[in-house]
Amino acid sequence: DEDWYPPENLRLFTEADIGSFTDDAIDRLEELILA
């Protein structure tokens, strides 16, 4: 199916990419939304 392909708009993050979320989880999540 030519219409079914990996979309650029899906941005993936693993724990290795961002480290462990701790008490600053909300702040870090907001930073990534703004970025």
Full PDB file with SEQRES, HELIX, SHEET, SSBOND, CRYST1, ORIGX, SCALE, CONECT and MASTER records, all heavy atoms in Angstrom:
SEQRES   1 A   35  ASP GLU ASP TRP TYR PRO PRO GLU ASN LEU ARG LEU PHE          
SEQRES   2 A   35  THR GLU ALA ASP ILE GLY SER PHE THR ASP ASP ALA ILE          
SEQRES   3 A   35  ASP ARG LEU GLU GLU LEU ILE LEU ALA                          
HELIX    1 AA1 GLU A   15  ILE A   18  1                                   4    
HELIX    2 AA2 ALA A   25  LEU A   34  1                                  10    
CRYST1    1.000    1.000    1.000  90.00  90.00  90.00 P 1           1          
ORIGX1      1.000000  0.000000  0.000000        0.00000                         
ORIGX2      0.000000  1.000000  0.000000        0.00000                         
ORIGX3      0.000000  0.000000  1.000000        0.00000                         
SCALE1      1.000000  0.000000  0.000000        0.00000                         
SCALE2      0.000000  1.000000  0.000000        0.00000                         
SCALE3      0.000000  0.000000  1.000000        0.00000                         
ATOM      1  N   ASP A   1       0.846  -1.195   0.000  1.00  0.00           N  
ATOM      2  CA  ASP A   1       0.000   0.000   0.000  1.00  0.00           C  
ATOM      3  C   ASP A   1       0.881   1.244   0.000  1.00  0.00           C  
ATOM      4  O   ASP A   1       1.564   1.549   0.974  1.00  0.00           O  
ATOM      5  CB  ASP A   1      -0.904  -0.007   1.242  1.00  0.00           C  
ATOM      6  CG  ASP A   1      -1.945   1.116   1.210  1.00  0.00           C  
ATOM      7  OD1 ASP A   1      -1.801   2.028   0.377  1.00  0.00           O  
ATOM      8  OD2 ASP A   1      -2.891   1.059   2.007  1.00  0.00           O  
ATOM      9  N   GLU A   2       0.864   2.004  -1.094  1.00  0.00           N  
ATOM     10  CA  GLU A   2       1.752   3.163  -1.222  1.00  0.00           C  
ATOM     11  C   GLU A   2       1.366   4.295  -0.281  1.00  0.00           C  
ATOM     12  O   GLU A   2       2.172   5.188  -0.012  1.00  0.00           O  
ATOM     13  CB  GLU A   2       1.732   3.663  -2.670  1.00  0.00           C  
ATOM     14  CG  GLU A   2       2.315   2.670  -3.671  1.00  0.00           C  
ATOM     15  CD  GLU A   2       2.289   3.202  -5.086  1.00  0.00           C  
ATOM     16  OE1 GLU A   2       1.771   4.327  -5.266  1.00  0.00           O  
ATOM     17  OE2 GLU A   2       2.780   2.511  -5.988  1.00  0.00           O  
ATOM     18  N   ASP A   3       0.124   4.287   0.214  1.00  0.00           N  
ATOM     19  CA  ASP A   3      -0.310   5.343   1.125  1.00  0.00           C  
ATOM     20  C   ASP A   3       0.064   5.046   2.574  1.00  0.00           C  
ATOM     21  O   ASP A   3      -0.155   5.867   3.450  1.00  0.00           O  
ATOM     22  CB  ASP A   3      -1.829   5.525   1.029  1.00  0.00           C  
ATOM     23  CG  ASP A   3      -2.258   6.051  -0.332  1.00  0.00           C  
ATOM     24  OD1 ASP A   3      -1.469   6.803  -0.924  1.00  0.00           O  
ATOM     25  OD2 ASP A   3      -3.353   5.683  -0.788  1.00  0.00           O  
ATOM     26  N   TRP A   4       0.610   3.867   2.822  1.00  0.00           N  
ATOM     27  CA  TRP A   4       0.927   3.464   4.201  1.00  0.00           C  
ATOM     28  C   TRP A   4       2.443   3.412   4.355  1.00  0.00           C  
ATOM     29  O   TRP A   4       3.092   2.469   3.962  1.00  0.00           O  
ATOM     30  CB  TRP A   4       0.293   2.107   4.479  1.00  0.00           C  
ATOM     31  CG  TRP A   4       0.215   1.736   5.941  1.00  0.00           C  
ATOM     32  CD1 TRP A   4       0.827   0.691   6.549  1.00  0.00           C  
ATOM     33  CD2 TRP A   4      -0.507   2.406   6.973  1.00  0.00           C  
ATOM     34  NE1 TRP A   4       0.528   0.656   7.886  1.00  0.00           N  
ATOM     35  CE2 TRP A   4      -0.289   1.711   8.174  1.00  0.00           C  
ATOM     36  CE3 TRP A   4      -1.317   3.549   7.000  1.00  0.00           C  
ATOM     37  CZ2 TRP A   4      -0.847   2.103   9.386  1.00  0.00           C  
ATOM     38  CZ3 TRP A   4      -1.870   3.940   8.205  1.00  0.00           C  
ATOM     39  CH2 TRP A   4      -1.644   3.219   9.378  1.00  0.00           C  
ATOM     40  N   TYR A   5       3.017   4.464   4.901  1.00  0.00           N  
ATOM     41  CA  TYR A   5       4.457   4.591   4.992  1.00  0.00           C  
ATOM     42  C   TYR A   5       4.814   5.233   6.332  1.00  0.00           C  
ATOM     43  O   TYR A   5       3.973   5.882   6.956  1.00  0.00           O  
ATOM     44  CB  TYR A   5       4.994   5.451   3.839  1.00  0.00           C  
ATOM     45  CG  TYR A   5       4.316   6.804   3.739  1.00  0.00           C  
ATOM     46  CD1 TYR A   5       4.816   7.913   4.421  1.00  0.00           C  
ATOM     47  CD2 TYR A   5       3.152   6.968   2.994  1.00  0.00           C  
ATOM     48  CE1 TYR A   5       4.185   9.139   4.350  1.00  0.00           C  
ATOM     49  CE2 TYR A   5       2.514   8.199   2.914  1.00  0.00           C  
ATOM     50  CZ  TYR A   5       3.031   9.274   3.589  1.00  0.00           C  
ATOM     51  OH  TYR A   5       2.390  10.485   3.527  1.00  0.00           O  
ATOM     52  N   PRO A   6       6.060   5.068   6.807  1.00  0.00           N  
ATOM     53  CA  PRO A   6       6.437   5.656   8.102  1.00  0.00           C  
ATOM     54  C   PRO A   6       6.313   7.176   8.077  1.00  0.00           C  
ATOM     55  O   PRO A   6       6.989   7.842   7.285  1.00  0.00           O  
ATOM     56  CB  PRO A   6       7.900   5.215   8.278  1.00  0.00           C  
ATOM     57  CG  PRO A   6       8.040   4.022   7.400  1.00  0.00           C  
ATOM     58  CD  PRO A   6       7.136   4.254   6.234  1.00  0.00           C  
ATOM     59  N   PRO A   7       5.445   7.755   8.876  1.00  0.00           N  
ATOM     60  CA  PRO A   7       5.216   9.199   8.837  1.00  0.00           C  
ATOM     61  C   PRO A   7       6.287   9.995   9.579  1.00  0.00           C  
ATOM     62  O   PRO A   7       6.700   9.621  10.683  1.00  0.00           O  
ATOM     63  CB  PRO A   7       3.853   9.360   9.514  1.00  0.00           C  
ATOM     64  CG  PRO A   7       3.766   8.201  10.439  1.00  0.00           C  
ATOM     65  CD  PRO A   7       4.524   7.072   9.791  1.00  0.00           C  
ATOM     66  N   GLU A   8       6.693  11.095   8.985  1.00  0.00           N  
ATOM     67  CA  GLU A   8       7.669  11.984   9.625  1.00  0.00           C  
ATOM     68  C   GLU A   8       7.073  12.636  10.872  1.00  0.00           C  
ATOM     69  O   GLU A   8       7.798  13.009  11.800  1.00  0.00           O  
ATOM     70  CB  GLU A   8       8.108  13.056   8.629  1.00  0.00           C  
ATOM     71  CG  GLU A   8       9.174  13.991   9.157  1.00  0.00           C  
ATOM     72  CD  GLU A   8       9.569  15.060   8.152  1.00  0.00           C  
ATOM     73  OE1 GLU A   8       9.076  15.000   7.007  1.00  0.00           O  
ATOM     74  OE2 GLU A   8      10.355  15.954   8.520  1.00  0.00           O  
ATOM     75  N   ASN A   9       5.745  12.767  10.898  1.00  0.00           N  
ATOM     76  CA  ASN A   9       5.090  13.437  12.023  1.00  0.00           C  
ATOM     77  C   ASN A   9       5.006  12.595  13.287  1.00  0.00           C  
ATOM     78  O   ASN A   9       4.521  13.067  14.306  1.00  0.00           O  
ATOM     79  CB  ASN A   9       3.670  13.860  11.622  1.00  0.00           C  
ATOM     80  CG  ASN A   9       3.662  15.148  10.843  1.00  0.00           C  
ATOM     81  OD1 ASN A   9       4.666  15.850  10.783  1.00  0.00           O  
ATOM     82  ND2 ASN A   9       2.533  15.468  10.234  1.00  0.00           N  
ATOM     83  N   LEU A  10       5.439  11.346  13.212  1.00  0.00           N  
ATOM     84  CA  LEU A  10       5.478  10.510  14.414  1.00  0.00           C  
ATOM     85  C   LEU A  10       6.896  10.539  14.967  1.00  0.00           C  
ATOM     86  O   LEU A  10       7.824   9.985  14.381  1.00  0.00           O  
ATOM     87  CB  LEU A  10       5.047   9.073  14.099  1.00  0.00           C  
ATOM     88  CG  LEU A  10       5.047   8.071  15.265  1.00  0.00           C  
ATOM     89  CD1 LEU A  10       4.288   8.607  16.471  1.00  0.00           C  
ATOM     90  CD2 LEU A  10       4.465   6.738  14.818  1.00  0.00           C  
ATOM     91  N   ARG A  11       7.073  11.221  16.090  1.00  0.00           N  
ATOM     92  CA  ARG A  11       8.389  11.406  16.708  1.00  0.00           C  
ATOM     93  C   ARG A  11       8.505  10.451  17.894  1.00  0.00           C  
ATOM     94  O   ARG A  11       7.694  10.493  18.832  1.00  0.00           O  
ATOM     95  CB  ARG A  11       8.568  12.852  17.185  1.00  0.00           C  
ATOM     96  CG  ARG A  11       8.112  13.909  16.148  1.00  0.00           C  
ATOM     97  CD  ARG A  11       9.140  14.184  15.113  1.00  0.00           C  
ATOM     98  NE  ARG A  11       8.622  14.970  14.002  1.00  0.00           N  
ATOM     99  CZ  ARG A  11       8.545  16.305  13.975  1.00  0.00           C  
ATOM    100  NH1 ARG A  11       8.925  17.019  15.034  1.00  0.00           N  
ATOM    101  NH2 ARG A  11       8.094  16.929  12.898  1.00  0.00           N  
ATOM    102  N   LEU A  12       9.523   9.615  17.852  1.00  0.00           N  
ATOM    103  CA  LEU A  12       9.671   8.540  18.833  1.00  0.00           C  
ATOM    104  C   LEU A  12      10.786   8.856  19.820  1.00  0.00           C  
ATOM    105  O   LEU A  12      11.870   9.304  19.436  1.00  0.00           O  
ATOM    106  CB  LEU A  12       9.976   7.238  18.091  1.00  0.00           C  
ATOM    107  CG  LEU A  12       9.890   5.936  18.865  1.00  0.00           C  
ATOM    108  CD1 LEU A  12       8.456   5.664  19.291  1.00  0.00           C  
ATOM    109  CD2 LEU A  12      10.400   4.793  17.989  1.00  0.00           C  
ATOM    110  N   PHE A  13      10.507   8.607  21.097  1.00  0.00           N  
ATOM    111  CA  PHE A  13      11.507   8.799  22.149  1.00  0.00           C  
ATOM    112  C   PHE A  13      11.582   7.530  22.984  1.00  0.00           C  
ATOM    113  O   PHE A  13      10.559   6.987  23.394  1.00  0.00           O  
ATOM    114  CB  PHE A  13      11.135   9.975  23.060  1.00  0.00           C  
ATOM    115  CG  PHE A  13      11.014  11.291  22.358  1.00  0.00           C  
ATOM    116  CD1 PHE A  13       9.803  11.671  21.790  1.00  0.00           C  
ATOM    117  CD2 PHE A  13      12.093  12.142  22.249  1.00  0.00           C  
ATOM    118  CE1 PHE A  13       9.676  12.879  21.133  1.00  0.00           C  
ATOM    119  CE2 PHE A  13      11.977  13.356  21.594  1.00  0.00           C  
ATOM    120  CZ  PHE A  13      10.767  13.723  21.033  1.00  0.00           C  
ATOM    121  N   THR A  14      12.800   7.054  23.241  1.00  0.00           N  
ATOM    122  CA  THR A  14      12.988   5.926  24.136  1.00  0.00           C  
ATOM    123  C   THR A  14      13.650   6.431  25.412  1.00  0.00           C  
ATOM    124  O   THR A  14      14.115   7.569  25.484  1.00  0.00           O  
ATOM    125  CB  THR A  14      13.878   4.839  23.504  1.00  0.00           C  
ATOM    126  OG1 THR A  14      15.200   5.368  23.339  1.00  0.00           O  
ATOM    127  CG2 THR A  14      13.328   4.409  22.154  1.00  0.00           C  
ATOM    128  N   GLU A  15      13.691   5.568  26.416  1.00  0.00           N  
ATOM    129  CA  GLU A  15      14.326   5.974  27.674  1.00  0.00           C  
ATOM    130  C   GLU A  15      15.799   6.297  27.453  1.00  0.00           C  
ATOM    131  O   GLU A  15      16.356   7.175  28.095  1.00  0.00           O  
ATOM    132  CB  GLU A  15      14.177   4.881  28.726  1.00  0.00           C  
ATOM    133  CG  GLU A  15      14.644   5.319  30.109  1.00  0.00           C  
ATOM    134  CD  GLU A  15      14.346   4.285  31.172  1.00  0.00           C  
ATOM    135  OE1 GLU A  15      13.927   3.173  30.835  1.00  0.00           O  
ATOM    136  OE2 GLU A  15      14.548   4.613  32.352  1.00  0.00           O  
ATOM    137  N   ALA A  16      16.424   5.610  26.497  1.00  0.00           N  
ATOM    138  CA  ALA A  16      17.833   5.882  26.189  1.00  0.00           C  
ATOM    139  C   ALA A  16      18.005   7.289  25.620  1.00  0.00           C  
ATOM    140  O   ALA A  16      19.040   7.928  25.808  1.00  0.00           O  
ATOM    141  CB  ALA A  16      18.358   4.850  25.196  1.00  0.00           C  
ATOM    142  N   ASP A  17      16.977   7.786  24.915  1.00  0.00           N  
ATOM    143  CA  ASP A  17      17.052   9.125  24.327  1.00  0.00           C  
ATOM    144  C   ASP A  17      16.928  10.223  25.367  1.00  0.00           C  
ATOM    145  O   ASP A  17      17.604  11.258  25.290  1.00  0.00           O  
ATOM    146  CB  ASP A  17      15.925   9.330  23.297  1.00  0.00           C  
ATOM    147  CG  ASP A  17      16.065   8.411  22.102  1.00  0.00           C  
ATOM    148  OD1 ASP A  17      17.210   8.156  21.697  1.00  0.00           O  
ATOM    149  OD2 ASP A  17      15.033   7.953  21.585  1.00  0.00           O  
ATOM    150  N   ILE A  18      16.039  10.023  26.336  1.00  0.00           N  
ATOM    151  CA  ILE A  18      15.682  11.123  27.227  1.00  0.00           C  
ATOM    152  C   ILE A  18      16.040  10.864  28.673  1.00  0.00           C  
ATOM    153  O   ILE A  18      15.890  11.745  29.519  1.00  0.00           O  
ATOM    154  CB  ILE A  18      14.172  11.409  27.139  1.00  0.00           C  
ATOM    155  CG1 ILE A  18      13.376  10.162  27.526  1.00  0.00           C  
ATOM    156  CG2 ILE A  18      13.789  11.884  25.750  1.00  0.00           C  
ATOM    157  CD1 ILE A  18      11.892  10.380  27.572  1.00  0.00           C  
ATOM    158  N   GLY A  19      16.541   9.659  28.994  1.00  0.00           N  
ATOM    159  CA  GLY A  19      16.844   9.344  30.375  1.00  0.00           C  
ATOM    160  C   GLY A  19      15.571   9.069  31.154  1.00  0.00           C  
ATOM    161  O   GLY A  19      14.475   8.980  30.597  1.00  0.00           O  
ATOM    162  N   SER A  20      15.689   8.953  32.440  1.00  0.00           N  
ATOM    163  CA  SER A  20      14.537   8.645  33.289  1.00  0.00           C  
ATOM    164  C   SER A  20      13.845   9.923  33.721  1.00  0.00           C  
ATOM    165  O   SER A  20      14.494  10.876  34.167  1.00  0.00           O  
ATOM    166  CB  SER A  20      14.986   7.860  34.522  1.00  0.00           C  
ATOM    167  OG  SER A  20      15.577   6.637  34.138  1.00  0.00           O  
ATOM    168  N   PHE A  21      12.518   9.965  33.579  1.00  0.00           N  
ATOM    169  CA  PHE A  21      11.752  11.088  34.094  1.00  0.00           C  
ATOM    170  C   PHE A  21      11.668  10.963  35.609  1.00  0.00           C  
ATOM    171  O   PHE A  21      11.415   9.893  36.146  1.00  0.00           O  
ATOM    172  CB  PHE A  21      10.337  11.072  33.510  1.00  0.00           C  
ATOM    173  CG  PHE A  21      10.249  11.642  32.137  1.00  0.00           C  
ATOM    174  CD1 PHE A  21      10.422  10.829  31.035  1.00  0.00           C  
ATOM    175  CD2 PHE A  21      10.007  12.992  31.947  1.00  0.00           C  
ATOM    176  CE1 PHE A  21      10.338  11.346  29.758  1.00  0.00           C  
ATOM    177  CE2 PHE A  21       9.919  13.513  30.670  1.00  0.00           C  
ATOM    178  CZ  PHE A  21      10.089  12.695  29.572  1.00  0.00           C  
ATOM    179  N   THR A  22      11.874  12.067  36.291  1.00  0.00           N  
ATOM    180  CA  THR A  22      11.752  12.062  37.754  1.00  0.00           C  
ATOM    181  C   THR A  22      10.775  13.153  38.151  1.00  0.00           C  
ATOM    182  O   THR A  22       9.717  13.258  37.551  1.00  0.00           O  
ATOM    183  CB  THR A  22      13.126  12.282  38.413  1.00  0.00           C  
ATOM    184  OG1 THR A  22      13.727  13.475  37.864  1.00  0.00           O  
ATOM    185  CG2 THR A  22      14.055  11.106  38.142  1.00  0.00           C  
ATOM    186  N   ASP A  23      11.111  13.952  39.140  1.00  0.00           N  
ATOM    187  CA  ASP A  23      10.195  14.984  39.612  1.00  0.00           C  
ATOM    188  C   ASP A  23       9.983  16.101  38.604  1.00  0.00           C  
ATOM    189  O   ASP A  23       9.057  16.902  38.758  1.00  0.00           O  
ATOM    190  CB  ASP A  23      10.693  15.579  40.935  1.00  0.00           C  
ATOM    191  CG  ASP A  23      10.554  14.595  42.086  1.00  0.00           C  
ATOM    192  OD1 ASP A  23       9.685  13.708  41.982  1.00  0.00           O  
ATOM    193  OD2 ASP A  23      11.301  14.707  43.068  1.00  0.00           O  
ATOM    194  N   ASP A  24      10.842  16.206  37.594  1.00  0.00           N  
ATOM    195  CA  ASP A  24      10.687  17.272  36.600  1.00  0.00           C  
ATOM    196  C   ASP A  24       9.967  16.777  35.350  1.00  0.00           C  
ATOM    197  O   ASP A  24      10.083  17.367  34.280  1.00  0.00           O  
ATOM    198  CB  ASP A  24      12.043  17.862  36.223  1.00  0.00           C  
ATOM    199  CG  ASP A  24      12.969  16.830  35.576  1.00  0.00           C  
ATOM    200  OD1 ASP A  24      12.629  15.625  35.611  1.00  0.00           O  
ATOM    201  OD2 ASP A  24      14.017  17.230  35.028  1.00  0.00           O  
ATOM    202  N   ALA A  25       9.194  15.698  35.483  1.00  0.00           N  
ATOM    203  CA  ALA A  25       8.557  15.080  34.319  1.00  0.00           C  
ATOM    204  C   ALA A  25       7.674  16.058  33.551  1.00  0.00           C  
ATOM    205  O   ALA A  25       7.740  16.129  32.318  1.00  0.00           O  
ATOM    206  CB  ALA A  25       7.738  13.862  34.756  1.00  0.00           C  
ATOM    207  N   ILE A  26       6.850  16.820  34.254  1.00  0.00           N  
ATOM    208  CA  ILE A  26       5.934  17.744  33.585  1.00  0.00           C  
ATOM    209  C   ILE A  26       6.706  18.827  32.847  1.00  0.00           C  
ATOM    210  O   ILE A  26       6.403  19.157  31.693  1.00  0.00           O  
ATOM    211  CB  ILE A  26       4.964  18.377  34.601  1.00  0.00           C  
ATOM    212  CG1 ILE A  26       4.089  17.294  35.254  1.00  0.00           C  
ATOM    213  CG2 ILE A  26       4.096  19.425  33.924  1.00  0.00           C  
ATOM    214  CD1 ILE A  26       3.164  16.577  34.299  1.00  0.00           C  
ATOM    215  N   ASP A  27       7.731  19.388  33.492  1.00  0.00           N  
ATOM    216  CA  ASP A  27       8.535  20.444  32.853  1.00  0.00           C  
ATOM    217  C   ASP A  27       9.243  19.914  31.612  1.00  0.00           C  
ATOM    218  O   ASP A  27       9.278  20.582  30.570  1.00  0.00           O  
ATOM    219  CB  ASP A  27       9.567  20.999  33.834  1.00  0.00           C  
ATOM    220  CG  ASP A  27       8.926  21.785  34.967  1.00  0.00           C  
ATOM    221  OD1 ASP A  27       7.780  22.248  34.780  1.00  0.00           O  
ATOM    222  OD2 ASP A  27       9.558  21.915  36.031  1.00  0.00           O  
ATOM    223  N   ARG A  28       9.792  18.718  31.685  1.00  0.00           N  
ATOM    224  CA  ARG A  28      10.510  18.156  30.537  1.00  0.00           C  
ATOM    225  C   ARG A  28       9.555  17.811  29.410  1.00  0.00           C  
ATOM    226  O   ARG A  28       9.877  17.984  28.231  1.00  0.00           O  
ATOM    227  CB  ARG A  28      11.298  16.919  30.971  1.00  0.00           C  
ATOM    228  CG  ARG A  28      12.440  17.250  31.940  1.00  0.00           C  
ATOM    229  CD  ARG A  28      13.242  16.024  32.294  1.00  0.00           C  
ATOM    230  NE  ARG A  28      13.878  15.450  31.113  1.00  0.00           N  
ATOM    231  CZ  ARG A  28      14.421  14.242  31.092  1.00  0.00           C  
ATOM    232  NH1 ARG A  28      14.364  13.490  32.175  1.00  0.00           N  
ATOM    233  NH2 ARG A  28      14.996  13.775  30.012  1.00  0.00           N  
ATOM    234  N   LEU A  29       8.383  17.342  29.773  1.00  0.00           N  
ATOM    235  CA  LEU A  29       7.379  17.032  28.760  1.00  0.00           C  
ATOM    236  C   LEU A  29       6.934  18.309  28.047  1.00  0.00           C  
ATOM    237  O   LEU A  29       6.792  18.328  26.813  1.00  0.00           O  
ATOM    238  CB  LEU A  29       6.182  16.352  29.425  1.00  0.00           C  
ATOM    239  CG  LEU A  29       5.127  15.707  28.516  1.00  0.00           C  
ATOM    240  CD1 LEU A  29       5.770  14.722  27.551  1.00  0.00           C  
ATOM    241  CD2 LEU A  29       4.068  15.018  29.351  1.00  0.00           C  
ATOM    242  N   GLU A  30       6.755  19.371  28.799  1.00  0.00           N  
ATOM    243  CA  GLU A  30       6.359  20.646  28.191  1.00  0.00           C  
ATOM    244  C   GLU A  30       7.450  21.174  27.268  1.00  0.00           C  
ATOM    245  O   GLU A  30       7.164  21.718  26.192  1.00  0.00           O  
ATOM    246  CB  GLU A  30       6.032  21.677  29.275  1.00  0.00           C  
ATOM    247  CG  GLU A  30       5.500  22.981  28.712  1.00  0.00           C  
ATOM    248  CD  GLU A  30       4.924  23.895  29.775  1.00  0.00           C  
ATOM    249  OE1 GLU A  30       5.220  23.700  30.974  1.00  0.00           O  
ATOM    250  OE2 GLU A  30       4.156  24.808  29.416  1.00  0.00           O  
ATOM    251  N   GLU A  31       8.703  21.022  27.656  1.00  0.00           N  
ATOM    252  CA  GLU A  31       9.809  21.455  26.802  1.00  0.00           C  
ATOM    253  C   GLU A  31       9.781  20.736  25.451  1.00  0.00           C  
ATOM    254  O   GLU A  31      10.015  21.344  24.400  1.00  0.00           O  
ATOM    255  CB  GLU A  31      11.144  21.193  27.499  1.00  0.00           C  
ATOM    256  CG  GLU A  31      11.431  22.121  28.676  1.00  0.00           C  
ATOM    257  CD  GLU A  31      12.682  21.706  29.434  1.00  0.00           C  
ATOM    258  OE1 GLU A  31      13.341  20.723  29.004  1.00  0.00           O  
ATOM    259  OE2 GLU A  31      12.996  22.347  30.452  1.00  0.00           O  
ATOM    260  N   LEU A  32       9.497  19.431  25.478  1.00  0.00           N  
ATOM    261  CA  LEU A  32       9.461  18.661  24.241  1.00  0.00           C  
ATOM    262  C   LEU A  32       8.257  19.029  23.384  1.00  0.00           C  
ATOM    263  O   LEU A  32       8.326  19.013  22.153  1.00  0.00           O  
ATOM    264  CB  LEU A  32       9.460  17.166  24.557  1.00  0.00           C  
ATOM    265  CG  LEU A  32      10.792  16.626  25.097  1.00  0.00           C  
ATOM    266  CD1 LEU A  32      10.629  15.214  25.627  1.00  0.00           C  
ATOM    267  CD2 LEU A  32      11.856  16.653  23.999  1.00  0.00           C  
ATOM    268  N   ILE A  33       7.143  19.370  24.015  1.00  0.00           N  
ATOM    269  CA  ILE A  33       5.971  19.834  23.263  1.00  0.00           C  
ATOM    270  C   ILE A  33       6.298  21.149  22.557  1.00  0.00           C  
ATOM    271  O   ILE A  33       5.982  21.330  21.372  1.00  0.00           O  
ATOM    272  CB  ILE A  33       4.761  20.002  24.205  1.00  0.00           C  
ATOM    273  CG1 ILE A  33       4.285  18.628  24.704  1.00  0.00           C  
ATOM    274  CG2 ILE A  33       3.615  20.731  23.503  1.00  0.00           C  
ATOM    275  CD1 ILE A  33       3.256  18.701  25.824  1.00  0.00           C  
ATOM    276  N   LEU A  34       6.945  22.053  23.265  1.00  0.00           N  
ATOM    277  CA  LEU A  34       7.297  23.344  22.677  1.00  0.00           C  
ATOM    278  C   LEU A  34       8.366  23.210  21.592  1.00  0.00           C  
ATOM    279  O   LEU A  34       8.400  23.991  20.641  1.00  0.00           O  
ATOM    280  CB  LEU A  34       7.798  24.293  23.772  1.00  0.00           C  
ATOM    281  CG  LEU A  34       6.737  24.761  24.780  1.00  0.00           C  
ATOM    282  CD1 LEU A  34       7.386  25.532  25.920  1.00  0.00           C  
ATOM    283  CD2 LEU A  34       5.690  25.616  24.082  1.00  0.00           C  
ATOM    284  N   ALA A  35       9.231  22.209  21.723  1.00  0.00           N  
ATOM    285  CA  ALA A  35      10.297  21.999  20.739  1.00  0.00           C  
ATOM    286  C   ALA A  35       9.780  21.342  19.465  1.00  0.00           C  
ATOM    287  O   ALA A  35      10.529  21.235  18.486  1.00  0.00           O  
ATOM    288  CB  ALA A  35      11.406  21.144  21.350  1.00  0.00           C  
TER     289      ALA A  35                                                      
MASTER        0    0    0    2    0    0    0    6  288    1    0    3          
END                                                                             
